[in-house]
Amino acid sequence: MTAAAVDHLVVAAATLADGVAWCERTLGVTPGPGGRHPLFGTHNRLLKIESGAFALAYLEIIAIDPEAPPPGRMRWFGLDTLDLSAGPRLIHWVARSTMLDMHRWGLINVGQQPGEPVAASRDTPQGLLSWQILVREDGALRCGGALPTLIQWQGRHPAEALPDSGVLLQSLALTGMPPRAAEVLRLRGVALSSGPGPALQAVLSTPRGDVTLASA
């Protein structure tokens, strides 16, 4: 089975405007455009954070879209139940797979429930982006967000159209990832710990210097 790779970090915000202001204040840059996700009633902004160890990596700032109708299901990334009153924060990460079904069954076989594959897409000025992503029916994150959501892109990757931002992902550390799940995903460049600490901790090189983002 091939290895899964870091695809993107997920920062949740109560509103997209809050998320943009957080990015400018915290990282010193304005995120690029994103789009709407009609299937889940959300919208986003994106920032390229690709570095030598993390090809095609980006940061996603995501929020519930107030103009979208209710999706008729729980939204992804636990957005329906998150308390974001203290402001935007890192909540999760997404791993890129080229063998989504095999990774999904591998996780199921070691006692994890990563969710069902969902086909999603959104329009961009460069054309349609399409992907399959595993989403649990309850929308909940596993292991405090340390166990990634798995995605498989169909065609081009969004980071290919993103300009360099001056922000680079230096490291990603996870606490609480089940060892057998890590064996299935064969993660590269990610530090794993079973001790105390935040489920996710990412260090970014930014115009403001090194910035550490940690999940609650």
Protein backbone atom coordinates (compact mmCIF):
# COMPACT_ATOMS: atom_id res chain seq x y z
CA MET A 1 0.00 0.00 0.00
CA THR A 2 1.34 3.43 -0.90
CA ALA A 3 1.95 6.12 1.70
CA ALA A 4 -0.52 8.91 2.42
CA ALA A 5 0.87 12.44 2.27
CA VAL A 6 0.10 15.69 4.05
CA ASP A 7 -2.40 17.48 1.79
CA HIS A 8 -3.64 20.40 3.85
CA LEU A 9 -4.16 21.84 7.30
CA VAL A 10 -7.67 22.90 8.31
CA VAL A 11 -8.28 26.13 10.23
CA ALA A 12 -11.93 26.65 11.18
CA ALA A 13 -13.48 30.09 11.63
CA ALA A 14 -16.91 31.32 12.66
CA THR A 15 -16.96 33.43 9.50
CA LEU A 16 -14.65 33.55 6.52
CA ALA A 17 -13.93 37.22 7.25
CA ASP A 18 -12.75 36.18 10.73
CA GLY A 19 -10.50 33.59 9.14
CA VAL A 20 -8.93 36.07 6.72
CA ALA A 21 -8.27 38.56 9.51
CA TRP A 22 -6.73 35.77 11.63
CA CYS A 23 -4.43 34.77 8.76
CA GLU A 24 -3.26 38.34 8.20
CA ARG A 25 -2.72 38.88 11.92
CA THR A 26 -1.08 35.53 12.69
CA LEU A 27 0.84 34.64 9.54
CA GLY A 28 1.33 38.08 8.03
CA VAL A 29 -0.23 37.25 4.66
CA THR A 30 -3.65 37.39 3.03
CA PRO A 31 -5.01 34.00 1.94
CA GLY A 32 -5.83 33.44 -1.69
CA PRO A 33 -9.28 32.76 -3.09
CA GLY A 34 -11.11 29.54 -2.46
CA GLY A 35 -14.69 28.62 -3.26
CA ARG A 36 -17.99 27.18 -2.12
CA HIS A 37 -18.88 23.58 -1.26
CA PRO A 38 -22.62 23.19 -2.01
CA LEU A 39 -22.67 19.62 -0.70
CA PHE A 40 -21.68 20.70 2.82
CA GLY A 41 -22.74 24.34 2.94
CA THR A 42 -19.23 25.70 3.54
CA HIS A 43 -16.77 28.02 1.84
CA ASN A 44 -13.04 28.55 2.15
CA ARG A 45 -9.88 30.50 1.41
CA LEU A 46 -6.54 28.84 0.61
CA LEU A 47 -2.86 29.53 1.25
CA LYS A 48 0.00 27.60 -0.28
CA ILE A 49 2.42 26.28 2.38
CA GLU A 50 4.31 23.78 0.22
CA SER A 51 7.87 23.04 1.25
CA GLY A 52 10.46 20.47 0.27
CA ALA A 53 9.13 17.92 2.76
CA PHE A 54 5.46 18.66 2.06
CA ALA A 55 4.76 18.78 -1.67
CA LEU A 56 1.50 20.49 -2.73
CA ALA A 57 0.60 21.31 0.89
CA TYR A 58 -1.76 24.18 1.58
CA LEU A 59 -3.69 25.72 4.46
CA GLU A 60 -7.47 25.86 4.25
CA ILE A 61 -9.49 28.41 6.19
CA ILE A 62 -13.05 27.10 6.26
CA ALA A 63 -16.35 28.39 7.61
CA ILE A 64 -20.05 27.68 7.30
CA ASP A 65 -21.41 29.59 4.30
CA PRO A 66 -24.29 31.80 5.54
CA GLU A 67 -25.69 32.05 2.01
CA ALA A 68 -25.88 28.28 1.48
CA PRO A 69 -29.01 26.28 2.27
CA PRO A 70 -28.74 23.66 5.03
CA PRO A 71 -26.90 20.66 3.56
CA GLY A 72 -29.29 18.04 4.95
CA ARG A 73 -26.43 16.23 6.67
CA MET A 74 -23.73 16.95 9.23
CA ARG A 75 -20.99 19.13 7.80
CA TRP A 76 -17.45 17.86 7.48
CA PHE A 77 -14.70 18.57 10.04
CA GLY A 78 -17.23 18.77 12.89
CA LEU A 79 -18.15 22.32 11.91
CA ASP A 80 -21.72 21.98 13.20
CA THR A 81 -20.58 21.50 16.80
CA LEU A 82 -17.31 23.46 17.06
CA ASP A 83 -17.04 26.30 19.57
CA LEU A 84 -15.21 29.06 17.70
CA SER A 85 -16.11 31.88 20.05
CA ALA A 86 -12.42 32.36 20.92
CA GLY A 87 -11.53 32.85 17.25
CA PRO A 88 -10.24 30.78 14.34
CA ARG A 89 -8.02 27.82 15.17
CA LEU A 90 -6.28 24.78 13.75
CA ILE A 91 -8.61 21.79 14.11
CA HIS A 92 -7.55 19.08 11.69
CA TRP A 93 -5.51 17.95 8.74
CA VAL A 94 -6.25 16.11 5.51
CA ALA A 95 -4.04 13.38 4.04
CA ARG A 96 -3.77 12.78 0.31
CA SER A 97 -4.14 9.23 -0.97
CA THR A 98 -3.82 7.66 -4.39
CA MET A 99 -5.49 4.48 -3.07
CA LEU A 100 -8.44 5.85 -1.12
CA ASP A 101 -10.45 2.65 -0.97
CA MET A 102 -7.49 0.56 0.19
CA HIS A 103 -6.56 3.09 2.87
CA ARG A 104 -10.18 3.23 3.99
CA TRP A 105 -10.44 -0.55 4.40
CA GLY A 106 -7.05 -0.64 6.06
CA LEU A 107 -8.26 1.80 8.71
CA ILE A 108 -11.50 -0.13 9.18
CA ASN A 109 -9.50 -3.33 9.69
CA VAL A 110 -7.57 -1.73 12.57
CA GLY A 111 -10.73 -0.53 14.31
CA GLN A 112 -11.11 2.97 12.89
CA GLN A 113 -14.22 4.34 11.17
CA PRO A 114 -12.95 6.93 8.66
CA GLY A 115 -16.32 7.45 6.96
CA GLU A 116 -17.82 6.82 3.57
CA PRO A 117 -16.38 8.13 0.27
CA VAL A 118 -18.15 11.24 -0.95
CA ALA A 119 -17.66 12.76 -4.42
CA ALA A 120 -17.31 16.54 -4.25
CA SER A 121 -16.33 19.37 -6.58
CA ARG A 122 -16.22 23.13 -6.91
CA ASP A 123 -15.73 25.60 -9.73
CA THR A 124 -12.55 27.69 -9.99
CA PRO A 125 -11.31 30.20 -12.59
CA GLN A 126 -8.95 27.46 -13.79
CA GLY A 127 -11.78 24.93 -14.16
CA LEU A 128 -13.51 22.34 -12.04
CA LEU A 129 -11.79 20.79 -9.04
CA SER A 130 -13.00 17.25 -8.27
CA TRP A 131 -12.16 14.88 -5.47
CA GLN A 132 -13.32 11.99 -3.34
CA ILE A 133 -13.16 12.41 0.41
CA LEU A 134 -14.03 10.22 3.39
CA VAL A 135 -16.64 11.82 5.64
CA ARG A 136 -18.28 10.25 8.67
CA GLU A 137 -22.07 10.45 8.87
CA ASP A 138 -21.79 12.34 12.16
CA GLY A 139 -19.14 14.67 10.75
CA ALA A 140 -16.97 14.05 13.81
CA LEU A 141 -13.19 14.15 13.88
CA ARG A 142 -11.30 11.16 15.29
CA CYS A 143 -8.51 11.25 17.87
CA GLY A 144 -8.99 14.95 18.52
CA GLY A 145 -8.30 15.65 14.86
CA ALA A 146 -5.01 13.73 14.73
CA LEU A 147 -6.44 10.95 12.56
CA PRO A 148 -6.65 12.63 9.15
CA THR A 149 -9.53 12.88 6.77
CA LEU A 150 -8.48 11.11 3.57
CA ILE A 151 -8.84 12.70 0.15
CA GLN A 152 -8.09 11.58 -3.40
CA TRP A 153 -7.92 14.28 -6.05
CA GLN A 154 -9.21 13.58 -9.51
CA GLY A 155 -7.21 15.55 -12.02
CA ARG A 156 -5.37 18.67 -10.95
CA HIS A 157 -4.55 19.66 -7.40
CA PRO A 158 -5.62 23.08 -6.01
CA ALA A 159 -2.11 23.96 -4.84
CA GLU A 160 -0.92 23.91 -8.46
CA ALA A 161 -2.81 27.16 -9.09
CA LEU A 162 -1.88 28.88 -5.81
CA PRO A 163 0.89 31.50 -5.83
CA ASP A 164 3.80 31.22 -3.44
CA SER A 165 2.71 32.84 -0.20
CA GLY A 166 5.95 33.24 1.70
CA VAL A 167 4.63 30.71 4.24
CA LEU A 168 6.19 27.25 4.43
CA LEU A 169 5.17 24.22 6.47
CA GLN A 170 8.25 23.22 8.46
CA SER A 171 6.84 20.37 10.57
CA LEU A 172 3.66 18.63 11.64
CA ALA A 173 3.45 16.69 14.91
CA LEU A 174 0.52 14.51 15.95
CA THR A 175 -0.41 13.24 19.41
CA GLY A 176 -2.86 10.40 19.84
CA MET A 177 -2.68 8.84 16.39
CA PRO A 178 -3.28 5.10 16.94
CA PRO A 179 -0.07 3.24 16.01
CA ARG A 180 -1.90 0.70 13.85
CA ALA A 181 -3.62 3.50 11.94
CA ALA A 182 -0.23 5.14 11.38
CA GLU A 183 1.05 1.84 9.99
CA VAL A 184 -1.81 1.75 7.49
CA LEU A 185 -1.19 5.32 6.32
CA ARG A 186 2.63 5.02 6.31
CA LEU A 187 2.93 8.75 6.91
CA ARG A 188 6.14 10.49 5.89
CA GLY A 189 7.58 13.61 7.43
CA VAL A 190 5.09 13.59 10.32
CA ALA A 191 6.16 13.23 13.95
CA LEU A 192 4.00 10.94 16.10
CA SER A 193 3.67 10.96 19.88
CA SER A 194 1.59 9.11 22.46
CA GLY A 195 2.37 11.51 25.28
CA PRO A 196 0.52 14.60 26.48
CA GLY A 197 0.15 17.52 24.12
CA PRO A 198 -2.12 18.92 21.43
CA ALA A 199 -3.48 16.52 18.83
CA LEU A 200 -1.92 18.66 16.10
CA GLN A 201 1.00 21.05 16.17
CA ALA A 202 2.29 22.67 12.99
CA VAL A 203 5.30 24.96 12.67
CA LEU A 204 5.16 27.43 9.80
CA SER A 205 7.87 29.73 8.49
CA THR A 206 6.16 33.09 7.82
CA PRO A 207 7.01 36.74 7.11
CA ARG A 208 6.54 37.21 10.87
CA GLY A 209 9.03 34.46 11.71
CA ASP A 210 8.27 30.93 12.80
CA VAL A 211 4.68 30.48 13.98
CA THR A 212 3.37 27.44 15.83
CA LEU A 213 -0.27 26.48 15.41
CA ALA A 214 -1.73 23.97 17.84
CA SER A 215 -5.17 22.42 18.16
CA ALA A 216 -7.17 22.87 21.35
